Amino acid sequence: MTEQPPAKKKCLGADCENDAGTLQCPKCLSLGIKGSFFCSQDCFKKNWNTHKELHKLASPETYNPFPSFSYTGPLRPVYPLSPRRVVPKSIPHPDYAESGIPGGGRTRSNKIEQLDEKGREGMRKVCRLAREVLDVAAAAIRPGITTDDLDKIVHDACIERNSYPSPLNYNFFPKSVCTSLNEVICHGIPDKRVLVDGDILNLDVTLYHEGYHGDLNETYYVGDKAKADPDSVRVTETARECLEEAIKLVKPGTLFRDFGNVIEAHAKSRGCSVIRTYVGHGINKTFHCPPNIPHYAKNRAVGECKPGMTFTIEPMIALGKYRDVTWPDNWTSTTIDGKRTAQFEHTLLVTETGVEILTARTADSPGGPIPMPTAAAA
């Protein structure tokens, strides 16, 4: 179960740990934006240049569906959501496409499937297509675009590849991609929120093609301000490195519990924490199936890597505490202290001698690592 949000309102000031007082932003009040509390006039003035970006997002046509919810950070949902996008019937659909309820996965069996060559080729193909779709969407990231715009780009790119966007109606998720901004750990729902210079955004793409799922995600910098912010760079590059370090271990005989030890050690060396609620997972003809791959140290995951297994490793790394809070939409998971978080994910195939990164970046993939700030890297 997720943690309950704190009862007291937190100051919206960046990195301010104080409880909010009664001071509210007057511009927010005039625009109908609720919950903009600060601890003091000085804190409000100090954060004005960043905070005023919220005013640009306000519109008579949009609204916050959960105005009384105690959000842990500055991000708010921007509704209404666009209508559910349609996948042509000519494209094969997974079993949950209509009902919203997946028929396979964790509830069926604890057995971990080892794919034959046909299955491996199926996974290679869908993962290659998933990489293409992620790269198409990532190339469109810029200040001024909405996360719903990105959802349409992902959806259309899936259709062009004769593929179903796996998140769509999976356990009733309403969109075709997960868009997780700033303090959102995972499962962010695309809406009318406009990206602004300084955001960091995770795009989590999964395709269903010819009976197999391929899953990957990356965190991207929005504009030059994000690349110039030491904390945003530190958490993003640490998450990227944590995944890279874990992948180095993948080979026959490696215990599933060992990945978390390496990930947490590296995260702590950068002054970051590891989210514990969400794990990597098996993936093949089923979107989520055994094994579970925890990302934190001293976990009790059972089992070891064997040739033909396909699973994800997808560490979620936070600047602050590792605990999480879920919004009333029952999907969007945020850090409990409102601090930023980043994630990277690959689908991996265990081979007879090591590992094949099925969703690997190409030479043309947008994004990619940038230098760690000197002070943060020291």
Protein backbone atom coordinates (compact mmCIF):
# COMPACT_ATOMS: atom_id res chain seq x y z
CA MET A 1 0.00 0.00 0.00
CA THR A 2 1.12 3.55 -0.62
CA GLU A 3 1.76 6.05 2.15
CA GLN A 4 -0.92 8.57 3.09
CA PRO A 5 -0.04 12.19 2.31
CA PRO A 6 0.88 14.47 5.20
CA ALA A 7 -2.01 16.33 6.76
CA LYS A 8 -0.26 19.73 6.82
CA LYS A 9 0.23 21.77 3.67
CA LYS A 10 3.84 22.12 2.55
CA CYS A 11 5.35 25.38 1.34
CA LEU A 12 5.61 25.46 -2.47
CA GLY A 13 9.06 27.01 -2.30
CA ALA A 14 11.72 24.94 -4.05
CA ASP A 15 13.62 22.83 -1.51
CA CYS A 16 11.74 24.53 1.34
CA GLU A 17 11.04 22.07 4.16
CA ASN A 18 8.71 24.37 6.11
CA ASP A 19 4.99 23.93 6.54
CA ALA A 20 2.97 26.52 4.65
CA GLY A 21 1.32 29.39 6.46
CA THR A 22 -1.78 31.25 5.35
CA LEU A 23 0.01 33.23 2.64
CA GLN A 24 -1.34 32.37 -0.82
CA CYS A 25 -0.26 33.63 -4.21
CA PRO A 26 -2.77 36.39 -5.10
CA LYS A 27 -2.45 35.71 -8.82
CA CYS A 28 -3.32 32.06 -8.27
CA LEU A 29 -6.37 33.06 -6.28
CA SER A 30 -7.57 35.30 -9.10
CA LEU A 31 -7.09 32.48 -11.61
CA GLY A 32 -8.78 29.88 -9.42
CA ILE A 33 -5.59 27.90 -8.81
CA LYS A 34 -5.92 26.37 -5.37
CA GLY A 35 -3.26 25.21 -2.94
CA SER A 36 -0.56 27.83 -3.71
CA PHE A 37 0.61 28.35 -0.12
CA PHE A 38 4.00 29.64 1.03
CA CYS A 39 5.64 29.81 4.42
CA SER A 40 6.64 33.49 4.18
CA GLN A 41 6.73 36.54 1.94
CA ASP A 42 10.47 36.09 1.47
CA CYS A 43 10.04 32.51 0.29
CA PHE A 44 7.29 33.61 -2.09
CA LYS A 45 9.51 36.33 -3.61
CA LYS A 46 12.48 33.98 -3.88
CA ASN A 47 10.42 31.46 -5.88
CA TRP A 48 8.41 33.94 -7.96
CA ASN A 49 10.22 33.40 -11.27
CA THR A 50 9.57 29.67 -11.15
CA HIS A 51 6.13 29.82 -9.56
CA LYS A 52 4.67 32.27 -12.08
CA GLU A 53 4.99 29.60 -14.79
CA LEU A 54 1.94 27.98 -13.18
CA HIS A 55 -0.15 31.00 -14.15
CA LYS A 56 0.46 30.29 -17.82
CA LEU A 57 -1.17 26.91 -17.38
CA ALA A 58 -4.42 28.33 -16.03
CA SER A 59 -7.30 28.52 -18.47
CA PRO A 60 -11.08 28.79 -18.14
CA GLU A 61 -11.27 25.55 -20.13
CA THR A 62 -9.05 23.54 -17.77
CA TYR A 63 -9.33 22.56 -14.12
CA ASN A 64 -7.78 20.59 -11.29
CA PRO A 65 -10.08 17.59 -10.65
CA PHE A 66 -8.80 17.09 -7.10
CA PRO A 67 -8.61 20.61 -5.60
CA SER A 68 -8.80 19.45 -1.99
CA PHE A 69 -6.05 16.83 -2.30
CA SER A 70 -2.84 17.52 -0.35
CA TYR A 71 -0.30 17.46 -3.17
CA THR A 72 3.29 16.88 -2.11
CA GLY A 73 4.85 19.19 -4.72
CA PRO A 74 3.96 21.98 -7.15
CA LEU A 75 2.63 19.78 -9.99
CA ARG A 76 -1.13 19.63 -10.54
CA PRO A 77 -3.27 17.64 -13.01
CA VAL A 78 -4.73 19.74 -15.82
CA TYR A 79 -8.10 18.35 -16.93
CA PRO A 80 -10.26 17.58 -18.84
CA LEU A 81 -8.56 14.56 -20.36
CA SER A 82 -8.96 14.10 -24.08
CA PRO A 83 -11.23 11.25 -25.25
CA ARG A 84 -9.79 7.76 -25.30
CA ARG A 85 -7.89 7.20 -28.54
CA VAL A 86 -8.99 4.43 -30.89
CA VAL A 87 -6.90 1.52 -32.14
CA PRO A 88 -8.13 0.06 -35.45
CA LYS A 89 -9.63 -3.41 -35.16
CA SER A 90 -7.22 -4.59 -37.85
CA ILE A 91 -4.39 -4.30 -35.32
CA PRO A 92 -4.18 -7.25 -32.87
CA HIS A 93 -5.32 -6.22 -29.37
CA PRO A 94 -4.13 -7.67 -26.04
CA ASP A 95 -6.66 -9.52 -23.90
CA TYR A 96 -7.41 -6.51 -21.67
CA ALA A 97 -8.04 -4.00 -24.49
CA GLU A 98 -11.83 -4.06 -24.04
CA SER A 99 -12.35 -5.26 -20.47
CA GLY A 100 -9.43 -3.42 -18.86
CA ILE A 101 -8.55 -6.59 -16.95
CA PRO A 102 -5.45 -8.54 -18.01
CA GLY A 103 -5.96 -12.27 -18.07
CA GLY A 104 -2.38 -13.43 -17.50
CA GLY A 105 0.54 -12.30 -15.40
CA ARG A 106 1.31 -12.50 -11.70
CA THR A 107 -2.00 -14.08 -10.69
CA ARG A 108 -1.63 -17.05 -13.00
CA SER A 109 1.71 -18.63 -12.13
CA ASN A 110 5.09 -17.96 -10.56
CA LYS A 111 6.81 -19.79 -13.39
CA ILE A 112 9.33 -17.70 -15.30
CA GLU A 113 9.19 -18.38 -19.01
CA GLN A 114 12.35 -19.07 -21.01
CA LEU A 115 11.76 -18.15 -24.64
CA ASP A 116 12.78 -20.29 -27.59
CA GLU A 117 14.31 -18.69 -30.68
CA LYS A 118 10.92 -17.82 -32.13
CA GLY A 119 9.94 -16.06 -28.93
CA ARG A 120 13.26 -14.23 -28.77
CA GLU A 121 12.80 -12.96 -32.31
CA GLY A 122 9.29 -11.78 -31.43
CA MET A 123 10.69 -9.83 -28.50
CA ARG A 124 13.52 -8.37 -30.58
CA LYS A 125 11.03 -7.07 -33.12
CA VAL A 126 8.57 -5.48 -30.71
CA CYS A 127 11.35 -3.91 -28.66
CA ARG A 128 12.92 -2.42 -31.77
CA LEU A 129 9.55 -0.89 -32.66
CA ALA A 130 9.09 0.38 -29.09
CA ARG A 131 12.45 2.13 -29.30
CA GLU A 132 11.38 3.79 -32.55
CA VAL A 133 8.16 5.07 -30.97
CA LEU A 134 9.93 6.42 -27.88
CA ASP A 135 12.45 8.23 -30.06
CA VAL A 136 9.69 9.78 -32.19
CA ALA A 137 7.96 11.13 -29.07
CA ALA A 138 11.20 12.25 -27.41
CA ALA A 139 12.11 14.30 -30.47
CA ALA A 140 8.90 16.31 -29.97
CA ILE A 141 9.64 17.30 -26.34
CA ARG A 142 9.94 21.06 -25.99
CA PRO A 143 8.54 23.89 -23.86
CA GLY A 144 4.96 24.64 -24.94
CA ILE A 145 3.83 21.13 -25.88
CA THR A 146 1.37 19.29 -23.61
CA THR A 147 1.71 15.77 -22.31
CA ASP A 148 -1.53 14.97 -24.13
CA ASP A 149 0.12 16.10 -27.37
CA LEU A 150 2.87 13.57 -26.66
CA ASP A 151 0.27 10.88 -26.00
CA LYS A 152 -1.19 11.48 -29.47
CA ILE A 153 2.28 11.27 -31.02
CA VAL A 154 2.94 7.95 -29.27
CA HIS A 155 -0.49 6.57 -30.16
CA ASP A 156 -0.17 7.48 -33.82
CA ALA A 157 3.37 6.11 -34.02
CA CYS A 158 2.14 2.78 -32.61
CA ILE A 159 -0.67 2.59 -35.15
CA GLU A 160 1.79 3.35 -37.98
CA ARG A 161 3.75 0.28 -36.85
CA ASN A 162 0.67 -1.94 -36.73
CA SER A 163 1.03 -2.08 -32.95
CA TYR A 164 -1.25 -1.57 -29.94
CA PRO A 165 -0.02 0.86 -27.22
CA SER A 166 0.11 -1.55 -24.27
CA PRO A 167 -0.78 0.94 -21.49
CA LEU A 168 -4.14 1.81 -23.12
CA ASN A 169 -6.89 0.41 -20.85
CA TYR A 170 -4.42 -1.83 -18.99
CA ASN A 171 -6.17 -2.02 -15.62
CA PHE A 172 -8.19 0.92 -17.01
CA PHE A 173 -5.25 3.27 -17.59
CA PRO A 174 -6.83 5.90 -19.87
CA LYS A 175 -3.92 6.79 -22.18
CA SER A 176 -1.35 5.28 -24.55
CA VAL A 177 1.82 6.34 -22.72
CA CYS A 178 2.85 7.30 -19.19
CA THR A 179 4.19 10.87 -18.85
CA SER A 180 5.82 11.48 -15.46
CA LEU A 181 6.94 15.03 -14.70
CA ASN A 182 9.32 16.30 -12.02
CA GLU A 183 8.12 14.80 -8.69
CA VAL A 184 6.03 12.10 -10.41
CA ILE A 185 7.73 8.73 -9.96
CA CYS A 186 5.73 6.81 -12.55
CA HIS A 187 2.29 6.26 -14.15
CA GLY A 188 1.63 9.93 -14.88
CA ILE A 189 -1.51 10.39 -17.00
CA PRO A 190 -1.09 12.62 -20.07
CA ASP A 191 -3.28 15.72 -19.79
CA LYS A 192 -3.31 19.40 -20.80
CA ARG A 193 -0.30 20.31 -18.68
CA VAL A 194 2.07 22.41 -20.78
CA LEU A 195 5.77 21.58 -20.55
CA VAL A 196 7.90 24.49 -19.36
CA ASP A 197 11.62 25.18 -19.57
CA GLY A 198 13.14 23.50 -16.51
CA ASP A 199 10.91 20.40 -16.33
CA ILE A 200 12.22 16.87 -16.48
CA LEU A 201 9.89 14.36 -18.14
CA ASN A 202 9.84 10.57 -18.20
CA LEU A 203 8.20 8.88 -21.18
CA ASP A 204 7.28 5.23 -20.60
CA VAL A 205 6.39 3.46 -23.85
CA THR A 206 5.19 -0.12 -24.33
CA LEU A 207 4.04 -1.73 -27.58
CA TYR A 208 2.09 -4.91 -28.25
CA HIS A 209 3.03 -6.37 -31.64
CA GLU A 210 2.44 -9.84 -33.06
CA GLY A 211 1.71 -11.24 -29.61
CA TYR A 212 4.61 -9.74 -27.64
CA HIS A 213 5.13 -6.62 -25.47
CA GLY A 214 8.24 -4.41 -25.50
CA ASP A 215 8.74 -1.87 -22.69
CA LEU A 216 11.20 0.99 -22.14
CA ASN A 217 11.40 4.48 -20.70
CA GLU A 218 13.76 7.42 -20.42
CA THR A 219 13.83 10.75 -18.60
CA TYR A 220 14.43 13.86 -20.71
CA TYR A 221 15.40 17.46 -20.00
CA VAL A 222 12.86 20.08 -21.13
CA GLY A 223 14.75 23.16 -22.30
CA ASP A 224 18.10 24.54 -21.23
CA LYS A 225 17.02 25.41 -17.68
CA ALA A 226 16.65 21.73 -16.82
CA LYS A 227 20.14 20.95 -18.12
CA ALA A 228 21.52 23.83 -16.04
CA ASP A 229 19.82 22.74 -12.80
CA PRO A 230 22.32 20.68 -10.75
CA ASP A 231 19.68 18.67 -8.88
CA SER A 232 17.71 17.79 -12.02
CA VAL A 233 20.91 16.63 -13.70
CA ARG A 234 22.07 14.73 -10.62
CA VAL A 235 18.87 12.70 -10.23
CA THR A 236 18.49 12.07 -13.96
CA GLU A 237 22.06 10.99 -14.62
CA THR A 238 22.13 8.92 -11.43
CA ALA A 239 19.04 7.02 -12.57
CA ARG A 240 20.62 6.46 -15.97
CA GLU A 241 23.82 5.16 -14.38
CA CYS A 242 21.94 2.91 -11.94
CA LEU A 243 20.32 1.09 -14.85
CA GLU A 244 23.64 0.78 -16.65
CA GLU A 245 25.35 -0.65 -13.56
CA ALA A 246 22.57 -3.19 -13.02
CA ILE A 247 22.65 -4.37 -16.63
CA LYS A 248 26.34 -5.20 -16.25
CA LEU A 249 25.30 -8.00 -13.86
CA VAL A 250 22.81 -9.70 -16.18
CA LYS A 251 23.95 -13.19 -17.17
CA PRO A 252 22.95 -16.79 -16.39
CA GLY A 253 23.25 -17.45 -12.66
CA THR A 254 22.87 -13.88 -11.41
CA LEU A 255 20.34 -13.69 -8.58
CA PHE A 256 17.42 -11.33 -9.11
CA ARG A 257 18.01 -9.85 -5.66
CA ASP A 258 21.54 -8.76 -6.58
CA PHE A 259 20.46 -5.95 -8.91
CA GLY A 260 19.05 -3.90 -6.05
CA ASN A 261 22.29 -3.99 -4.12
CA VAL A 262 24.21 -2.42 -7.00
CA ILE A 263 21.48 0.13 -7.77
CA GLU A 264 21.09 1.37 -4.21
CA ALA A 265 24.85 1.59 -3.62
CA HIS A 266 25.27 3.79 -6.69
CA ALA A 267 22.23 5.94 -5.88
CA LYS A 268 23.49 6.57 -2.35
CA SER A 269 26.91 7.53 -3.68
CA ARG A 270 25.16 10.38 -5.53
CA GLY A 271 23.08 11.42 -2.53
CA CYS A 272 19.86 9.90 -3.91
CA SER A 273 17.34 7.31 -2.74
CA VAL A 274 15.67 4.34 -4.47
CA ILE A 275 11.89 4.06 -4.73
CA ARG A 276 10.77 0.72 -3.27
CA THR A 277 7.10 0.41 -4.20
CA TYR A 278 7.61 -0.31 -7.90
CA VAL A 279 9.73 -3.06 -9.45
CA GLY A 280 11.02 -4.34 -12.76
CA HIS A 281 9.07 -7.27 -14.19
CA GLY A 282 9.01 -10.15 -16.58
CA ILE A 283 7.61 -9.35 -20.01
CA ASN A 284 6.88 -11.40 -23.12
CA LYS A 285 3.41 -12.35 -24.35
CA THR A 286 2.21 -10.92 -21.03
CA PHE A 287 2.76 -7.24 -20.16
CA HIS A 288 3.69 -7.91 -16.52
CA CYS A 289 4.64 -11.39 -15.32
CA PRO A 290 7.32 -13.06 -13.16
CA PRO A 291 10.01 -12.34 -12.17
CA ASN A 292 9.79 -9.24 -10.00
CA ILE A 293 13.02 -7.21 -10.00
CA PRO A 294 13.28 -4.96 -6.90
CA HIS A 295 15.68 -2.03 -7.22
CA TYR A 296 16.60 -1.58 -3.56
CA ALA A 297 19.26 -3.34 -1.48
CA LYS A 298 18.70 -6.35 0.76
CA ASN A 299 15.47 -7.33 -0.99
CA ARG A 300 14.17 -10.90 -0.91
CA ALA A 301 13.55 -11.56 -4.57
CA VAL A 302 13.67 -15.28 -5.38
CA GLY A 303 15.26 -16.80 -8.45
CA GLU A 304 18.13 -16.35 -10.86
CA CYS A 305 18.72 -15.38 -14.48
CA LYS A 306 18.49 -18.16 -17.06
CA PRO A 307 18.89 -18.07 -20.85
CA GLY A 308 15.72 -17.05 -22.66
CA MET A 309 14.26 -14.98 -19.83
CA THR A 310 13.07 -11.49 -20.72
CA PHE A 311 12.45 -8.85 -18.07
CA THR A 312 12.81 -5.16 -17.35
CA ILE A 313 15.07 -3.31 -14.97
CA GLU A 314 13.72 0.20 -14.35
CA PRO A 315 15.14 1.97 -11.28
CA MET A 316 13.26 5.00 -9.99
CA ILE A 317 15.65 7.37 -8.21
CA ALA A 318 14.70 10.34 -6.01
CA LEU A 319 16.49 13.40 -4.65
CA GLY A 320 14.71 13.06 -1.32
CA LYS A 321 12.83 10.31 0.51
CA TYR A 322 11.99 6.99 -1.15
CA ARG A 323 8.37 6.83 -0.02
CA ASP A 324 5.51 7.64 -2.39
CA VAL A 325 1.99 9.08 -2.50
CA THR A 326 -0.64 8.26 -5.15
CA TRP A 327 -3.01 10.90 -6.48
CA PRO A 328 -6.78 10.28 -6.39
CA ASP A 329 -6.65 9.23 -10.06
CA ASN A 330 -5.26 5.94 -8.63
CA TRP A 331 -2.29 6.04 -11.01
CA THR A 332 -0.02 9.07 -10.62
CA SER A 333 2.65 8.25 -8.02
CA THR A 334 4.71 11.10 -6.57
CA THR A 335 7.50 11.42 -4.06
CA ILE A 336 6.24 11.98 -0.53
CA ASP A 337 8.30 15.16 -0.13
CA GLY A 338 7.64 16.60 -3.59
CA LYS A 339 11.28 16.36 -4.65
CA ARG A 340 12.26 15.37 -8.15
CA THR A 341 12.68 11.83 -9.38
CA ALA A 342 13.93 10.17 -12.57
CA GLN A 343 13.71 6.71 -14.15
CA PHE A 344 15.20 4.68 -17.01
CA GLU A 345 14.11 1.26 -18.25
CA HIS A 346 15.20 -1.40 -20.72
CA THR A 347 13.73 -4.75 -21.70
CA LEU A 348 16.50 -7.33 -21.45
CA LEU A 349 17.05 -10.83 -22.82
CA VAL A 350 19.29 -13.20 -20.87
CA THR A 351 21.48 -15.02 -23.38
CA GLU A 352 23.65 -18.10 -22.93
CA THR A 353 26.68 -15.87 -22.30
CA GLY A 354 25.27 -12.61 -20.97
CA VAL A 355 22.60 -10.11 -21.93
CA GLU A 356 21.02 -8.50 -24.97
CA ILE A 357 19.52 -5.03 -24.46
CA LEU A 358 16.44 -5.36 -26.65
CA THR A 359 15.42 -1.69 -26.32
CA ALA A 360 18.92 -0.23 -26.70
CA ARG A 361 19.39 3.34 -27.86
CA THR A 362 20.52 3.95 -31.42
CA ALA A 363 23.01 6.52 -32.69
CA ASP A 364 20.06 8.76 -33.59
CA SER A 365 18.08 8.45 -30.34
CA PRO A 366 17.20 11.85 -28.79
CA GLY A 367 18.37 12.68 -25.31
CA GLY A 368 21.31 10.87 -23.81
CA PRO A 369 23.66 11.63 -20.91
CA ILE A 370 25.05 15.05 -20.08
CA PRO A 371 27.95 15.78 -17.70
CA MET A 372 27.20 15.54 -14.02
CA PRO A 373 27.59 18.91 -12.23
CA THR A 374 31.02 19.09 -10.65
CA ALA A 375 29.74 19.73 -7.14
CA ALA A 376 27.19 16.88 -7.38
CA ALA A 377 29.68 14.44 -8.85
CA ALA A 378 32.33 15.07 -6.20
